[in-house]
């Protein structure tokens, strides 16, 4: 998957435990890149982690 700058920032924010907007969280969950608990906690799925780790623009 290729991500634009905003999408990559959303995934990195989720990975790092920073807050994201409801719209951004919904995007990640709908793409099966993240999962959201009933309490609102969000985390990357295995797919999300693998995609952001192999993204050509991944932060180090």
PDB file of N, CA and C in Angstrom:
ATOM      1  N   UNK A   1       0.837  -1.186   0.000  1.00  0.00           N
ATOM      2  CA  UNK A   1       0.000   0.000   0.000  1.00  0.00           C
ATOM      3  C   UNK A   1       0.875   1.240   0.000  1.00  0.00           C
ATOM      4  N   UNK A   2       0.447   2.227  -0.721  1.00  0.00           N
ATOM      5  CA  UNK A   2       1.122   3.518  -0.700  1.00  0.00           C
ATOM      6  C   UNK A   2       0.271   4.494   0.092  1.00  0.00           C
ATOM      7  N   UNK A   3       0.914   5.257   0.950  1.00  0.00           N
ATOM      8  CA  UNK A   3       0.213   6.216   1.791  1.00  0.00           C
ATOM      9  C   UNK A   3       0.678   7.619   1.462  1.00  0.00           C
ATOM     10  N   UNK A   4      -0.273   8.564   1.517  1.00  0.00           N
ATOM     11  CA  UNK A   4       0.135   9.954   1.383  1.00  0.00           C
ATOM     12  C   UNK A   4       0.689  10.405   2.734  1.00  0.00           C
ATOM     13  N   UNK A   5       1.196  11.609   2.794  1.00  0.00           N
ATOM     14  CA  UNK A   5       1.842  12.109   4.009  1.00  0.00           C
ATOM     15  C   UNK A   5       0.879  12.083   5.193  1.00  0.00           C
ATOM     16  N   UNK A   6      -0.343  12.528   4.992  1.00  0.00           N
ATOM     17  CA  UNK A   6      -1.313  12.575   6.091  1.00  0.00           C
ATOM     18  C   UNK A   6      -1.636  11.169   6.600  1.00  0.00           C
ATOM     19  N   UNK A   7      -1.845  10.235   5.691  1.00  0.00           N
ATOM     20  CA  UNK A   7      -2.167   8.867   6.095  1.00  0.00           C
ATOM     21  C   UNK A   7      -1.012   8.246   6.877  1.00  0.00           C
ATOM     22  N   UNK A   8       0.198   8.467   6.409  1.00  0.00           N
ATOM     23  CA  UNK A   8       1.368   7.939   7.106  1.00  0.00           C
ATOM     24  C   UNK A   8       1.484   8.545   8.501  1.00  0.00           C
ATOM     25  N   UNK A   9       1.200   9.850   8.616  1.00  0.00           N
ATOM     26  CA  UNK A   9       1.242  10.512   9.920  1.00  0.00           C
ATOM     27  C   UNK A   9       0.191   9.937  10.863  1.00  0.00           C
ATOM     28  N   UNK A  10      -0.984   9.620  10.341  1.00  0.00           N
ATOM     29  CA  UNK A  10      -2.041   9.015  11.161  1.00  0.00           C
ATOM     30  C   UNK A  10      -1.560   7.673  11.697  1.00  0.00           C
ATOM     31  N   UNK A  11      -1.017   6.834  10.827  1.00  0.00           N
ATOM     32  CA  UNK A  11      -0.554   5.517  11.261  1.00  0.00           C
ATOM     33  C   UNK A  11       0.594   5.631  12.259  1.00  0.00           C
ATOM     34  N   UNK A  12       1.504   6.556  12.025  1.00  0.00           N
ATOM     35  CA  UNK A  12       2.608   6.756  12.964  1.00  0.00           C
ATOM     36  C   UNK A  12       2.093   7.263  14.305  1.00  0.00           C
ATOM     37  N   UNK A  13       1.097   8.129  14.282  1.00  0.00           N
ATOM     38  CA  UNK A  13       0.504   8.628  15.529  1.00  0.00           C
ATOM     39  C   UNK A  13      -0.145   7.497  16.310  1.00  0.00           C
ATOM     40  N   UNK A  14      -0.875   6.647  15.615  1.00  0.00           N
ATOM     41  CA  UNK A  14      -1.505   5.503  16.279  1.00  0.00           C
ATOM     42  C   UNK A  14      -0.422   4.598  16.859  1.00  0.00           C
ATOM     43  N   UNK A  15       0.585   4.317  16.070  1.00  0.00           N
ATOM     44  CA  UNK A  15       1.687   3.459  16.529  1.00  0.00           C
ATOM     45  C   UNK A  15       2.344   4.021  17.786  1.00  0.00           C
ATOM     46  N   UNK A  16       2.508   5.344  17.824  1.00  0.00           N
ATOM     47  CA  UNK A  16       3.209   5.995  18.928  1.00  0.00           C
ATOM     48  C   UNK A  16       2.300   6.348  20.096  1.00  0.00           C
ATOM     49  N   UNK A  17       1.017   6.016  19.982  1.00  0.00           N
ATOM     50  CA  UNK A  17       0.085   6.261  21.081  1.00  0.00           C
ATOM     51  C   UNK A  17      -0.407   7.690  21.194  1.00  0.00           C
ATOM     52  N   UNK A  18      -0.254   8.464  20.109  1.00  0.00           N
ATOM     53  CA  UNK A  18      -0.758   9.842  20.108  1.00  0.00           C
ATOM     54  C   UNK A  18      -2.209   9.857  19.638  1.00  0.00           C
ATOM     55  N   UNK A  19      -2.939  10.864  20.060  1.00  0.00           N
ATOM     56  CA  UNK A  19      -4.352  10.984  19.684  1.00  0.00           C
ATOM     57  C   UNK A  19      -4.486  11.295  18.200  1.00  0.00           C
ATOM     58  N   UNK A  20      -5.537  10.727  17.613  1.00  0.00           N
ATOM     59  CA  UNK A  20      -5.903  11.042  16.233  1.00  0.00           C
ATOM     60  C   UNK A  20      -7.381  11.401  16.222  1.00  0.00           C
ATOM     61  N   UNK A  21      -7.791  12.096  15.183  1.00  0.00           N
ATOM     62  CA  UNK A  21      -9.196  12.485  15.082  1.00  0.00           C
ATOM     63  C   UNK A  21     -10.065  11.251  14.849  1.00  0.00           C
ATOM     64  N   UNK A  22     -11.343  11.403  15.116  1.00  0.00           N
ATOM     65  CA  UNK A  22     -12.289  10.304  14.891  1.00  0.00           C
ATOM     66  C   UNK A  22     -12.302   9.909  13.419  1.00  0.00           C
ATOM     67  N   UNK A  23     -12.239  10.896  12.532  1.00  0.00           N
ATOM     68  CA  UNK A  23     -12.236  10.620  11.099  1.00  0.00           C
ATOM     69  C   UNK A  23     -10.992   9.811  10.706  1.00  0.00           C
ATOM     70  N   UNK A  24      -9.835  10.206  11.236  1.00  0.00           N
ATOM     71  CA  UNK A  24      -8.602   9.479  10.924  1.00  0.00           C
ATOM     72  C   UNK A  24      -8.624   8.071  11.509  1.00  0.00           C
ATOM     73  N   UNK A  25      -9.139   7.939  12.722  1.00  0.00           N
ATOM     74  CA  UNK A  25      -9.243   6.617  13.348  1.00  0.00           C
ATOM     75  C   UNK A  25     -10.159   5.721  12.523  1.00  0.00           C
ATOM     76  N   UNK A  26     -11.287   6.257  12.094  1.00  0.00           N
ATOM     77  CA  UNK A  26     -12.230   5.480  11.284  1.00  0.00           C
ATOM     78  C   UNK A  26     -11.602   5.039   9.970  1.00  0.00           C
ATOM     79  N   UNK A  27     -10.820   5.921   9.346  1.00  0.00           N
ATOM     80  CA  UNK A  27     -10.136   5.564   8.099  1.00  0.00           C
ATOM     81  C   UNK A  27      -9.233   4.352   8.329  1.00  0.00           C
ATOM     82  N   UNK A  28      -8.414   4.408   9.382  1.00  0.00           N
ATOM     83  CA  UNK A  28      -7.468   3.325   9.657  1.00  0.00           C
ATOM     84  C   UNK A  28      -8.193   2.020   9.982  1.00  0.00           C
ATOM     85  N   UNK A  29      -9.264   2.107  10.753  1.00  0.00           N
ATOM     86  CA  UNK A  29     -10.034   0.911  11.109  1.00  0.00           C
ATOM     87  C   UNK A  29     -10.713   0.335   9.868  1.00  0.00           C
ATOM     88  N   UNK A  30     -11.314   1.183   9.044  1.00  0.00           N
ATOM     89  CA  UNK A  30     -11.997   0.713   7.830  1.00  0.00           C
ATOM     90  C   UNK A  30     -11.040   0.057   6.845  1.00  0.00           C
ATOM     91  N   UNK A  31      -9.787   0.494   6.839  1.00  0.00           N
ATOM     92  CA  UNK A  31      -8.766  -0.105   5.966  1.00  0.00           C
ATOM     93  C   UNK A  31      -8.115  -1.323   6.618  1.00  0.00           C
ATOM     94  N   UNK A  32      -8.600  -1.689   7.820  1.00  0.00           N
ATOM     95  CA  UNK A  32      -8.077  -2.819   8.595  1.00  0.00           C
ATOM     96  C   UNK A  32      -6.614  -2.632   8.974  1.00  0.00           C
ATOM     97  N   UNK A  33      -6.198  -1.374   9.106  1.00  0.00           N
ATOM     98  CA  UNK A  33      -4.840  -1.053   9.528  1.00  0.00           C
ATOM     99  C   UNK A  33      -4.761  -0.827  11.026  1.00  0.00           C
ATOM    100  N   UNK A  34      -5.922  -0.638  11.656  1.00  0.00           N
ATOM    101  CA  UNK A  34      -5.988  -0.405  13.100  1.00  0.00           C
ATOM    102  C   UNK A  34      -7.249  -1.048  13.646  1.00  0.00           C
ATOM    103  N   UNK A  35      -7.236  -1.237  14.937  1.00  0.00           N
ATOM    104  CA  UNK A  35      -8.402  -1.762  15.636  1.00  0.00           C
ATOM    105  C   UNK A  35      -8.700  -0.832  16.799  1.00  0.00           C
ATOM    106  N   UNK A  36      -9.977  -0.662  17.080  1.00  0.00           N
ATOM    107  CA  UNK A  36     -10.386   0.264  18.130  1.00  0.00           C
ATOM    108  C   UNK A  36     -11.253  -0.474  19.137  1.00  0.00           C
ATOM    109  N   UNK A  37     -10.890  -0.344  20.408  1.00  0.00           N
ATOM    110  CA  UNK A  37     -11.646  -0.981  21.475  1.00  0.00           C
ATOM    111  C   UNK A  37     -12.860  -0.166  21.861  1.00  0.00           C
ATOM    112  N   UNK A  38     -13.741  -0.781  22.642  1.00  0.00           N
ATOM    113  CA  UNK A  38     -14.950  -0.095  23.097  1.00  0.00           C
ATOM    114  C   UNK A  38     -14.626   1.128  23.938  1.00  0.00           C
ATOM    115  N   UNK A  39     -13.470   1.105  24.598  1.00  0.00           N
ATOM    116  CA  UNK A  39     -13.071   2.237  25.440  1.00  0.00           C
ATOM    117  C   UNK A  39     -12.411   3.355  24.639  1.00  0.00           C
ATOM    118  N   UNK A  40     -12.318   3.181  23.317  1.00  0.00           N
ATOM    119  CA  UNK A  40     -11.758   4.212  22.458  1.00  0.00           C
ATOM    120  C   UNK A  40     -10.281   4.052  22.172  1.00  0.00           C
ATOM    121  N   UNK A  41      -9.617   3.113  22.852  1.00  0.00           N
ATOM    122  CA  UNK A  41      -8.204   2.872  22.567  1.00  0.00           C
ATOM    123  C   UNK A  41      -8.065   2.365  21.138  1.00  0.00           C
ATOM    124  N   UNK A  42      -7.003   2.808  20.481  1.00  0.00           N
ATOM    125  CA  UNK A  42      -6.759   2.383  19.106  1.00  0.00           C
ATOM    126  C   UNK A  42      -5.324   1.907  18.998  1.00  0.00           C
ATOM    127  N   UNK A  43      -5.112   0.876  18.200  1.00  0.00           N
ATOM    128  CA  UNK A  43      -3.778   0.337  17.991  1.00  0.00           C
ATOM    129  C   UNK A  43      -3.712  -0.206  16.572  1.00  0.00           C
ATOM    130  N   UNK A  44      -2.509  -0.235  16.032  1.00  0.00           N
ATOM    131  CA  UNK A  44      -2.335  -0.797  14.705  1.00  0.00           C
ATOM    132  C   UNK A  44      -2.527  -2.307  14.743  1.00  0.00           C
ATOM    133  N   UNK A  45      -3.084  -2.824  13.672  1.00  0.00           N
ATOM    134  CA  UNK A  45      -3.157  -4.268  13.488  1.00  0.00           C
ATOM    135  C   UNK A  45      -1.800  -4.739  12.970  1.00  0.00           C
ATOM    136  N   UNK A  46      -1.636  -6.046  12.864  1.00  0.00           N
ATOM    137  CA  UNK A  46      -0.405  -6.582  12.279  1.00  0.00           C
ATOM    138  C   UNK A  46      -0.218  -6.024  10.871  1.00  0.00           C
ATOM    139  N   UNK A  47      -1.313  -5.956  10.114  1.00  0.00           N
ATOM    140  CA  UNK A  47      -1.241  -5.402   8.762  1.00  0.00           C
ATOM    141  C   UNK A  47      -0.782  -3.955   8.810  1.00  0.00           C
ATOM    142  N   UNK A  48      -1.363  -3.177   9.706  1.00  0.00           N
ATOM    143  CA  UNK A  48      -0.979  -1.776   9.827  1.00  0.00           C
ATOM    144  C   UNK A  48       0.480  -1.608  10.185  1.00  0.00           C
ATOM    145  N   UNK A  49       0.950  -2.411  11.133  1.00  0.00           N
ATOM    146  CA  UNK A  49       2.365  -2.343  11.531  1.00  0.00           C
ATOM    147  C   UNK A  49       3.280  -2.721  10.371  1.00  0.00           C
ATOM    148  N   UNK A  50       2.927  -3.781   9.667  1.00  0.00           N
ATOM    149  CA  UNK A  50       3.786  -4.205   8.561  1.00  0.00           C
ATOM    150  C   UNK A  50       3.785  -3.178   7.435  1.00  0.00           C
ATOM    151  N   UNK A  51       2.642  -2.551   7.191  1.00  0.00           N
ATOM    152  CA  UNK A  51       2.566  -1.557   6.124  1.00  0.00           C
ATOM    153  C   UNK A  51       3.373  -0.310   6.457  1.00  0.00           C
ATOM    154  N   UNK A  52       3.271   0.177   7.688  1.00  0.00           N
ATOM    155  CA  UNK A  52       3.997   1.395   8.045  1.00  0.00           C
ATOM    156  C   UNK A  52       5.490   1.114   8.144  1.00  0.00           C
ATOM    157  N   UNK A  53       5.871  -0.082   8.583  1.00  0.00           N
ATOM    158  CA  UNK A  53       7.287  -0.426   8.695  1.00  0.00           C
ATOM    159  C   UNK A  53       7.951  -0.557   7.334  1.00  0.00           C
ATOM    160  N   UNK A  54       7.194  -0.965   6.328  1.00  0.00           N
ATOM    161  CA  UNK A  54       7.799  -1.133   5.007  1.00  0.00           C
ATOM    162  C   UNK A  54       7.525   0.045   4.073  1.00  0.00           C
ATOM    163  N   UNK A  55       6.784   1.031   4.569  1.00  0.00           N
ATOM    164  CA  UNK A  55       6.491   2.211   3.763  1.00  0.00           C
ATOM    165  C   UNK A  55       7.796   2.885   3.361  1.00  0.00           C
ATOM    166  N   UNK A  56       7.935   3.272   2.092  1.00  0.00           N
ATOM    167  CA  UNK A  56       9.192   3.885   1.646  1.00  0.00           C
ATOM    168  C   UNK A  56       9.507   5.191   2.364  1.00  0.00           C
ATOM    169  N   UNK A  57       8.522   5.820   2.948  1.00  0.00           N
ATOM    170  CA  UNK A  57       8.749   7.085   3.645  1.00  0.00           C
ATOM    171  C   UNK A  57       8.667   6.921   5.153  1.00  0.00           C
ATOM    172  N   UNK A  58       8.827   5.709   5.641  1.00  0.00           N
ATOM    173  CA  UNK A  58       8.687   5.453   7.080  1.00  0.00           C
ATOM    174  C   UNK A  58       9.718   6.237   7.867  1.00  0.00           C
ATOM    175  N   UNK A  59       9.291   6.762   8.997  1.00  0.00           N
ATOM    176  CA  UNK A  59      10.194   7.482   9.889  1.00  0.00           C
ATOM    177  C   UNK A  59      11.084   6.490  10.604  1.00  0.00           C
ATOM    178  N   UNK A  60      12.273   6.928  10.903  1.00  0.00           N
ATOM    179  CA  UNK A  60      13.200   6.081  11.655  1.00  0.00           C
ATOM    180  C   UNK A  60      13.349   6.623  13.043  1.00  0.00           C
TER     181      UNK A  60
END
